[in-house]
């Protein structure tokens, strides 16, 4: 499959739109981080499948904090746009709905990149999370919350 991509100018415009319409601090902290992830997802050796590209895009924008604010929201929007560009427009609404909470847990280090990949694969190719994936998500969130509570004492 030949993938379609977008450039850093589009990514920044999307981020700016998000901030203007939902609040937060405007501005790019590190343009190189945005350029890097957009370049990396074009490498079919490392990211051969759609879900590989989406996972890296989502995770990197979410975690690398290239923007002053709105990194989680931007990770969702840019990933959804990538889906739309590549013929998965029928999954965009479902993807956005499912990824809203996931984005928070990725940012809080509760969901790692491997689990995120499984979640994205499920969102793209299944109607619901299977039982095994549901348990992995619950365990990741619960164990992380318990560890955080213990470290506060």
N, C-alpha and C. Protein backbone atom coordinates (compact mmCIF):
# COMPACT_ATOMS: atom_id res chain seq x y z
N UNK A 1 0.84 -1.18 0.00
CA UNK A 1 0.00 0.00 0.00
C UNK A 1 0.88 1.25 0.00
N UNK A 2 0.56 2.18 -0.86
CA UNK A 2 1.24 3.46 -0.86
C UNK A 2 0.50 4.40 0.07
N UNK A 3 1.20 4.90 1.05
CA UNK A 3 0.59 5.77 2.05
C UNK A 3 0.68 7.23 1.64
N UNK A 4 -0.29 7.99 2.08
CA UNK A 4 -0.27 9.44 1.92
C UNK A 4 0.15 10.05 3.25
N UNK A 5 0.89 11.13 3.18
CA UNK A 5 1.43 11.79 4.38
C UNK A 5 1.07 13.26 4.36
N UNK A 6 1.26 13.92 5.48
CA UNK A 6 1.10 15.37 5.57
C UNK A 6 2.40 15.96 6.09
N UNK A 7 2.53 17.26 5.95
CA UNK A 7 3.79 17.90 6.33
C UNK A 7 3.68 18.62 7.67
N UNK A 8 4.80 19.17 8.11
CA UNK A 8 4.88 19.84 9.40
C UNK A 8 3.99 21.09 9.44
N UNK A 9 3.85 21.76 8.31
CA UNK A 9 2.98 22.95 8.27
C UNK A 9 1.55 22.56 8.60
N UNK A 10 1.09 21.45 8.03
CA UNK A 10 -0.27 20.98 8.35
C UNK A 10 -0.38 20.60 9.82
N UNK A 11 0.62 19.94 10.35
CA UNK A 11 0.59 19.53 11.76
C UNK A 11 0.48 20.75 12.67
N UNK A 12 1.23 21.78 12.38
CA UNK A 12 1.18 22.99 13.21
C UNK A 12 -0.16 23.69 13.07
N UNK A 13 -0.70 23.74 11.86
CA UNK A 13 -2.02 24.36 11.66
C UNK A 13 -3.08 23.61 12.47
N UNK A 14 -3.02 22.28 12.46
CA UNK A 14 -3.99 21.49 13.24
C UNK A 14 -3.83 21.78 14.73
N UNK A 15 -2.60 21.83 15.20
CA UNK A 15 -2.36 22.13 16.60
C UNK A 15 -2.90 23.51 16.96
N UNK A 16 -2.60 24.50 16.13
CA UNK A 16 -3.06 25.87 16.39
C UNK A 16 -4.58 25.95 16.41
N UNK A 17 -5.23 25.21 15.53
CA UNK A 17 -6.69 25.17 15.50
C UNK A 17 -7.24 24.58 16.80
N UNK A 18 -6.63 23.50 17.25
CA UNK A 18 -7.05 22.86 18.50
C UNK A 18 -6.95 23.84 19.66
N UNK A 19 -5.85 24.52 19.78
CA UNK A 19 -5.63 25.47 20.88
C UNK A 19 -6.62 26.63 20.77
N UNK A 20 -6.81 27.15 19.58
CA UNK A 20 -7.73 28.28 19.39
C UNK A 20 -9.16 27.92 19.75
N UNK A 21 -9.54 26.66 19.53
CA UNK A 21 -10.93 26.26 19.73
C UNK A 21 -11.21 25.53 21.04
N UNK A 22 -10.17 25.03 21.71
CA UNK A 22 -10.42 24.32 22.97
C UNK A 22 -9.56 24.80 24.12
N UNK A 23 -8.73 25.77 23.86
CA UNK A 23 -7.95 26.38 24.93
C UNK A 23 -6.57 25.78 25.11
N UNK A 24 -5.76 26.53 25.82
CA UNK A 24 -4.40 26.10 26.09
C UNK A 24 -3.39 27.13 25.62
N UNK A 25 -2.14 26.86 25.94
CA UNK A 25 -1.05 27.75 25.55
C UNK A 25 -0.61 27.45 24.13
N UNK A 26 -0.53 28.49 23.34
CA UNK A 26 -0.14 28.36 21.94
C UNK A 26 1.39 28.29 21.84
N UNK A 27 1.87 27.64 20.81
CA UNK A 27 3.30 27.68 20.54
C UNK A 27 3.94 26.31 20.38
N UNK A 28 5.00 26.31 19.59
CA UNK A 28 5.80 25.11 19.35
C UNK A 28 7.06 25.22 20.20
N UNK A 29 7.35 24.16 20.96
CA UNK A 29 8.57 24.13 21.77
C UNK A 29 9.76 23.62 20.97
N UNK A 30 9.50 22.62 20.10
CA UNK A 30 10.59 22.01 19.35
C UNK A 30 10.07 21.49 18.01
N UNK A 31 10.23 22.29 16.98
CA UNK A 31 9.77 21.93 15.64
C UNK A 31 10.44 20.67 15.12
N UNK A 32 11.67 20.43 15.56
CA UNK A 32 12.41 19.25 15.13
C UNK A 32 11.73 17.95 15.54
N UNK A 33 11.06 17.96 16.70
CA UNK A 33 10.35 16.76 17.14
C UNK A 33 9.16 16.45 16.23
N UNK A 34 8.49 17.50 15.76
CA UNK A 34 7.37 17.31 14.84
C UNK A 34 7.90 16.81 13.50
N UNK A 35 8.93 17.45 13.01
CA UNK A 35 9.52 17.03 11.72
C UNK A 35 10.01 15.59 11.79
N UNK A 36 10.62 15.24 12.90
CA UNK A 36 11.19 13.91 13.07
C UNK A 36 10.14 12.81 12.98
N UNK A 37 9.07 12.96 13.73
CA UNK A 37 8.04 11.91 13.72
C UNK A 37 7.39 11.81 12.34
N UNK A 38 7.17 12.93 11.68
CA UNK A 38 6.56 12.89 10.35
C UNK A 38 7.49 12.25 9.32
N UNK A 39 8.79 12.40 9.53
CA UNK A 39 9.77 11.74 8.66
C UNK A 39 9.85 10.25 8.99
N UNK A 40 9.89 9.91 10.27
CA UNK A 40 10.03 8.51 10.67
C UNK A 40 8.89 7.63 10.18
N UNK A 41 7.65 8.13 10.24
CA UNK A 41 6.53 7.27 9.83
C UNK A 41 6.56 6.96 8.34
N UNK A 42 7.38 7.69 7.59
CA UNK A 42 7.51 7.40 6.16
C UNK A 42 8.49 6.27 5.87
N UNK A 43 9.17 5.79 6.91
CA UNK A 43 10.13 4.71 6.76
C UNK A 43 9.40 3.37 6.86
N UNK A 44 9.18 2.75 5.71
CA UNK A 44 8.42 1.50 5.66
C UNK A 44 9.19 0.32 6.25
N UNK A 45 10.50 0.44 6.43
CA UNK A 45 11.26 -0.64 7.07
C UNK A 45 10.90 -0.71 8.55
N UNK A 46 10.81 0.43 9.18
CA UNK A 46 10.49 0.47 10.62
C UNK A 46 8.99 0.44 10.88
N UNK A 47 8.24 1.06 10.00
CA UNK A 47 6.79 1.19 10.20
C UNK A 47 6.07 0.76 8.92
N UNK A 48 6.03 -0.57 8.69
CA UNK A 48 5.49 -1.05 7.41
C UNK A 48 3.97 -1.00 7.29
N UNK A 49 3.26 -1.14 8.39
CA UNK A 49 1.81 -1.23 8.35
C UNK A 49 1.17 0.06 8.86
N UNK A 50 -0.06 0.28 8.49
CA UNK A 50 -0.79 1.47 8.92
C UNK A 50 -0.78 1.61 10.44
N UNK A 51 -1.04 0.52 11.14
CA UNK A 51 -1.10 0.60 12.60
C UNK A 51 0.27 0.92 13.21
N UNK A 52 1.35 0.52 12.55
CA UNK A 52 2.70 0.86 13.01
C UNK A 52 2.94 2.37 12.90
N UNK A 53 2.53 2.93 11.77
CA UNK A 53 2.71 4.36 11.53
C UNK A 53 1.85 5.18 12.49
N UNK A 54 0.61 4.78 12.66
CA UNK A 54 -0.31 5.49 13.56
C UNK A 54 0.21 5.42 14.99
N UNK A 55 0.65 4.26 15.41
CA UNK A 55 1.15 4.09 16.77
C UNK A 55 2.34 5.01 17.03
N UNK A 56 3.29 5.04 16.11
CA UNK A 56 4.46 5.89 16.30
C UNK A 56 4.08 7.37 16.29
N UNK A 57 3.21 7.75 15.38
CA UNK A 57 2.75 9.14 15.30
C UNK A 57 2.06 9.54 16.59
N UNK A 58 1.10 8.74 17.02
CA UNK A 58 0.32 9.03 18.22
C UNK A 58 1.23 9.11 19.45
N UNK A 59 2.05 8.09 19.64
CA UNK A 59 2.91 8.00 20.82
C UNK A 59 3.91 9.16 20.85
N UNK A 60 4.55 9.44 19.73
CA UNK A 60 5.59 10.47 19.69
C UNK A 60 5.02 11.86 19.92
N UNK A 61 3.92 12.19 19.28
CA UNK A 61 3.32 13.52 19.49
C UNK A 61 2.84 13.64 20.93
N UNK A 62 2.27 12.59 21.45
CA UNK A 62 1.76 12.58 22.83
C UNK A 62 2.89 12.75 23.84
N UNK A 63 3.97 12.03 23.69
CA UNK A 63 5.03 11.95 24.71
C UNK A 63 6.16 12.97 24.54
N UNK A 64 6.45 13.40 23.32
CA UNK A 64 7.63 14.23 23.10
C UNK A 64 7.45 15.70 23.42
N UNK A 65 6.22 16.13 23.60
CA UNK A 65 5.93 17.52 23.98
C UNK A 65 6.59 18.54 23.07
N UNK A 66 6.34 18.38 21.78
CA UNK A 66 6.85 19.35 20.82
C UNK A 66 6.11 20.68 20.92
N UNK A 67 4.89 20.62 21.45
CA UNK A 67 4.06 21.82 21.56
C UNK A 67 3.97 22.29 23.00
N UNK A 68 3.76 23.58 23.17
CA UNK A 68 3.61 24.19 24.49
C UNK A 68 2.47 23.52 25.27
N UNK A 69 1.37 23.22 24.58
CA UNK A 69 0.19 22.64 25.20
C UNK A 69 -0.58 21.87 24.12
N UNK A 70 -1.47 21.00 24.53
CA UNK A 70 -2.33 20.30 23.58
C UNK A 70 -1.70 19.11 22.89
N UNK A 71 -0.64 18.55 23.46
CA UNK A 71 0.04 17.42 22.82
C UNK A 71 -0.85 16.19 22.72
N UNK A 72 -1.63 15.90 23.76
CA UNK A 72 -2.52 14.73 23.71
C UNK A 72 -3.59 14.93 22.64
N UNK A 73 -4.21 16.10 22.65
CA UNK A 73 -5.25 16.39 21.66
C UNK A 73 -4.68 16.36 20.25
N UNK A 74 -3.49 16.90 20.09
CA UNK A 74 -2.85 16.92 18.77
C UNK A 74 -2.50 15.51 18.31
N UNK A 75 -2.08 14.65 19.24
CA UNK A 75 -1.76 13.27 18.86
C UNK A 75 -2.99 12.56 18.30
N UNK A 76 -4.13 12.82 18.89
CA UNK A 76 -5.38 12.21 18.42
C UNK A 76 -5.75 12.76 17.04
N UNK A 77 -5.74 14.08 16.90
CA UNK A 77 -6.17 14.72 15.65
C UNK A 77 -5.25 14.36 14.49
N UNK A 78 -3.94 14.41 14.70
CA UNK A 78 -3.02 14.08 13.60
C UNK A 78 -3.13 12.61 13.20
N UNK A 79 -3.32 11.74 14.18
CA UNK A 79 -3.49 10.31 13.87
C UNK A 79 -4.79 10.07 13.12
N UNK A 80 -5.85 10.74 13.54
CA UNK A 80 -7.15 10.62 12.86
C UNK A 80 -7.04 11.14 11.43
N UNK A 81 -6.33 12.23 11.25
CA UNK A 81 -6.14 12.78 9.90
C UNK A 81 -5.35 11.80 9.03
N UNK A 82 -4.33 11.18 9.61
CA UNK A 82 -3.56 10.19 8.86
C UNK A 82 -4.45 9.02 8.44
N UNK A 83 -5.34 8.60 9.32
CA UNK A 83 -6.30 7.55 8.97
C UNK A 83 -7.17 7.99 7.79
N UNK A 84 -7.67 9.21 7.89
CA UNK A 84 -8.54 9.74 6.83
C UNK A 84 -7.81 9.78 5.49
N UNK A 85 -6.59 10.27 5.50
CA UNK A 85 -5.80 10.35 4.27
C UNK A 85 -5.60 8.99 3.61
N UNK A 86 -5.57 7.95 4.45
CA UNK A 86 -5.21 6.62 3.95
C UNK A 86 -6.39 5.65 3.89
N UNK A 87 -7.58 6.20 3.67
CA UNK A 87 -8.75 5.38 3.37
C UNK A 87 -9.47 4.79 4.56
N UNK A 88 -9.15 5.23 5.77
CA UNK A 88 -9.82 4.74 6.97
C UNK A 88 -10.73 5.80 7.57
N UNK A 89 -11.27 6.66 6.70
CA UNK A 89 -12.14 7.73 7.18
C UNK A 89 -13.36 7.17 7.91
N UNK A 90 -13.79 5.97 7.57
CA UNK A 90 -14.93 5.33 8.23
C UNK A 90 -14.61 4.95 9.69
N UNK A 91 -13.36 4.98 10.08
CA UNK A 91 -12.95 4.65 11.45
C UNK A 91 -12.58 5.88 12.28
N UNK A 92 -12.58 7.05 11.68
CA UNK A 92 -12.09 8.26 12.36
C UNK A 92 -12.88 8.57 13.63
N UNK A 93 -14.20 8.61 13.55
CA UNK A 93 -15.01 8.94 14.73
C UNK A 93 -14.79 7.91 15.85
N UNK A 94 -14.78 6.64 15.50
CA UNK A 94 -14.55 5.58 16.47
C UNK A 94 -13.16 5.70 17.09
N UNK A 95 -12.17 5.98 16.24
CA UNK A 95 -10.79 6.15 16.70
C UNK A 95 -10.71 7.28 17.71
N UNK A 96 -11.28 8.42 17.38
CA UNK A 96 -11.22 9.58 18.27
C UNK A 96 -11.88 9.26 19.60
N UNK A 97 -13.04 8.64 19.56
CA UNK A 97 -13.77 8.29 20.79
C UNK A 97 -12.93 7.35 21.67
N UNK A 98 -12.36 6.32 21.08
CA UNK A 98 -11.58 5.35 21.84
C UNK A 98 -10.26 5.93 22.37
N UNK A 99 -9.66 6.83 21.61
CA UNK A 99 -8.33 7.30 21.96
C UNK A 99 -8.31 8.46 22.95
N UNK A 100 -9.46 9.07 23.24
CA UNK A 100 -9.49 10.20 24.17
C UNK A 100 -8.94 9.80 25.54
N UNK A 101 -9.42 8.72 26.12
CA UNK A 101 -8.92 8.26 27.41
C UNK A 101 -7.54 7.62 27.29
N UNK A 102 -7.32 6.93 26.20
CA UNK A 102 -6.03 6.27 25.99
C UNK A 102 -4.91 7.31 25.97
N UNK A 103 -5.15 8.46 25.35
CA UNK A 103 -4.14 9.51 25.26
C UNK A 103 -3.67 9.96 26.64
N UNK A 104 -4.60 10.06 27.58
CA UNK A 104 -4.26 10.47 28.95
C UNK A 104 -3.37 9.41 29.60
N UNK A 105 -3.72 8.15 29.41
CA UNK A 105 -2.95 7.07 30.02
C UNK A 105 -1.57 6.90 29.38
N UNK A 106 -1.45 7.19 28.11
CA UNK A 106 -0.13 7.17 27.46
C UNK A 106 0.73 8.29 28.05
N UNK A 107 0.15 9.47 28.16
CA UNK A 107 0.90 10.62 28.70
C UNK A 107 1.34 10.37 30.14
N UNK A 108 0.52 9.65 30.90
CA UNK A 108 0.82 9.35 32.31
C UNK A 108 1.66 8.09 32.49
N UNK A 109 2.20 7.54 31.41
CA UNK A 109 3.05 6.34 31.43
C UNK A 109 2.33 5.10 31.93
N UNK A 110 1.04 5.05 31.80
CA UNK A 110 0.29 3.85 32.19
C UNK A 110 0.18 2.87 31.02
N UNK A 111 0.11 3.41 29.82
CA UNK A 111 0.03 2.58 28.61
C UNK A 111 1.31 2.82 27.83
N UNK A 112 2.08 1.73 27.63
CA UNK A 112 3.33 1.84 26.89
C UNK A 112 3.07 1.69 25.38
N UNK A 113 4.11 1.82 24.61
CA UNK A 113 3.97 1.81 23.15
C UNK A 113 3.49 0.45 22.63
N UNK A 114 3.91 -0.65 23.25
CA UNK A 114 3.46 -1.97 22.81
C UNK A 114 1.97 -2.15 23.02
N UNK A 115 1.48 -1.76 24.19
CA UNK A 115 0.04 -1.87 24.45
C UNK A 115 -0.73 -0.90 23.56
N UNK A 116 -0.20 0.28 23.35
CA UNK A 116 -0.84 1.23 22.45
C UNK A 116 -0.99 0.63 21.06
N UNK A 117 0.03 -0.07 20.60
CA UNK A 117 -0.03 -0.71 19.28
C UNK A 117 -1.18 -1.72 19.22
N UNK A 118 -1.32 -2.51 20.26
CA UNK A 118 -2.42 -3.48 20.31
C UNK A 118 -3.78 -2.77 20.30
N UNK A 119 -3.87 -1.69 21.04
CA UNK A 119 -5.13 -0.93 21.10
C UNK A 119 -5.47 -0.37 19.72
N UNK A 120 -4.49 0.24 19.08
CA UNK A 120 -4.73 0.83 17.76
C UNK A 120 -5.10 -0.24 16.75
N UNK A 121 -4.42 -1.36 16.80
CA UNK A 121 -4.75 -2.47 15.89
C UNK A 121 -6.20 -2.92 16.11
N UNK A 122 -6.63 -3.00 17.35
CA UNK A 122 -8.00 -3.39 17.66
C UNK A 122 -8.99 -2.34 17.16
N UNK A 123 -8.69 -1.08 17.37
CA UNK A 123 -9.58 0.00 16.93
C UNK A 123 -9.74 -0.03 15.41
N UNK A 124 -8.67 -0.31 14.71
CA UNK A 124 -8.73 -0.30 13.25
C UNK A 124 -9.41 -1.52 12.65
N UNK A 125 -9.22 -2.69 13.26
CA UNK A 125 -9.64 -3.92 12.60
C UNK A 125 -10.70 -4.73 13.34
N UNK A 126 -11.11 -4.29 14.52
CA UNK A 126 -12.14 -5.02 15.27
C UNK A 126 -13.24 -4.04 15.68
N UNK A 127 -14.38 -4.58 16.05
CA UNK A 127 -15.49 -3.72 16.48
C UNK A 127 -15.39 -3.32 17.94
N UNK A 128 -14.74 -4.11 18.73
CA UNK A 128 -14.56 -3.84 20.17
C UNK A 128 -13.27 -4.50 20.62
N UNK A 129 -12.76 -4.05 21.76
CA UNK A 129 -11.60 -4.71 22.33
C UNK A 129 -11.98 -6.13 22.74
N UNK A 130 -11.11 -7.10 22.44
CA UNK A 130 -11.38 -8.45 22.92
C UNK A 130 -11.09 -8.50 24.43
N UNK A 131 -11.50 -9.57 25.06
CA UNK A 131 -11.39 -9.69 26.51
C UNK A 131 -9.93 -9.60 26.99
N UNK A 132 -9.03 -10.22 26.27
CA UNK A 132 -7.62 -10.19 26.66
C UNK A 132 -7.07 -8.76 26.64
N UNK A 133 -7.41 -8.01 25.61
CA UNK A 133 -6.94 -6.63 25.51
C UNK A 133 -7.59 -5.76 26.59
N UNK A 134 -8.86 -5.99 26.86
CA UNK A 134 -9.53 -5.25 27.94
C UNK A 134 -8.81 -5.46 29.27
N UNK A 135 -8.43 -6.70 29.55
CA UNK A 135 -7.72 -7.00 30.79
C UNK A 135 -6.34 -6.33 30.83
N UNK A 136 -5.64 -6.33 29.70
CA UNK A 136 -4.34 -5.68 29.65
C UNK A 136 -4.47 -4.18 29.94
N UNK A 137 -5.49 -3.56 29.38
CA UNK A 137 -5.70 -2.12 29.59
C UNK A 137 -6.03 -1.85 31.06
N UNK A 138 -6.96 -2.62 31.60
CA UNK A 138 -7.34 -2.44 33.01
C UNK A 138 -6.14 -2.66 33.92
N UNK A 139 -5.37 -3.70 33.68
CA UNK A 139 -4.19 -3.98 34.50
C UNK A 139 -3.16 -2.86 34.39
N UNK A 140 -2.93 -2.37 33.20
CA UNK A 140 -1.95 -1.29 33.01
C UNK A 140 -2.37 -0.04 33.77
N UNK A 141 -3.63 0.28 33.70
CA UNK A 141 -4.13 1.49 34.37
C UNK A 141 -4.16 1.29 35.88
N UNK A 142 -4.64 0.15 36.32
CA UNK A 142 -4.78 -0.12 37.75
C UNK A 142 -3.43 -0.23 38.44
N UNK A 143 -2.53 -1.00 37.86
CA UNK A 143 -1.21 -1.18 38.46
C UNK A 143 -0.48 0.17 38.53
N UNK A 144 -0.56 0.96 37.50
CA UNK A 144 0.10 2.27 37.50
C UNK A 144 -0.48 3.18 38.56
N UNK A 145 -1.81 3.17 38.71
CA UNK A 145 -2.45 4.00 39.73
C UNK A 145 -2.05 3.55 41.13
N UNK A 146 -1.99 2.24 41.35
CA UNK A 146 -1.60 1.72 42.65
C UNK A 146 -0.15 2.08 42.97
N UNK A 147 0.73 1.96 41.98
CA UNK A 147 2.14 2.32 42.19
C UNK A 147 2.28 3.80 42.49
N UNK A 148 1.50 4.62 41.82
CA UNK A 148 1.55 6.06 42.05
C UNK A 148 1.07 6.40 43.46
N UNK A 149 0.00 5.75 43.90
CA UNK A 149 -0.52 5.99 45.26
C UNK A 149 0.50 5.58 46.31
N UNK A 150 1.18 4.44 46.10
CA UNK A 150 2.18 3.97 47.06
C UNK A 150 3.36 4.94 47.14
N UNK A 151 3.75 5.51 46.04
CA UNK A 151 4.89 6.41 46.05
C UNK A 151 4.55 7.76 46.71
N UNK A 152 3.28 8.06 46.87
CA UNK A 152 2.87 9.31 47.52
C UNK A 152 2.95 9.23 49.03
N UNK A 153 3.02 8.03 49.58
CA UNK A 153 3.05 7.87 51.05
C UNK A 153 4.42 7.97 51.61
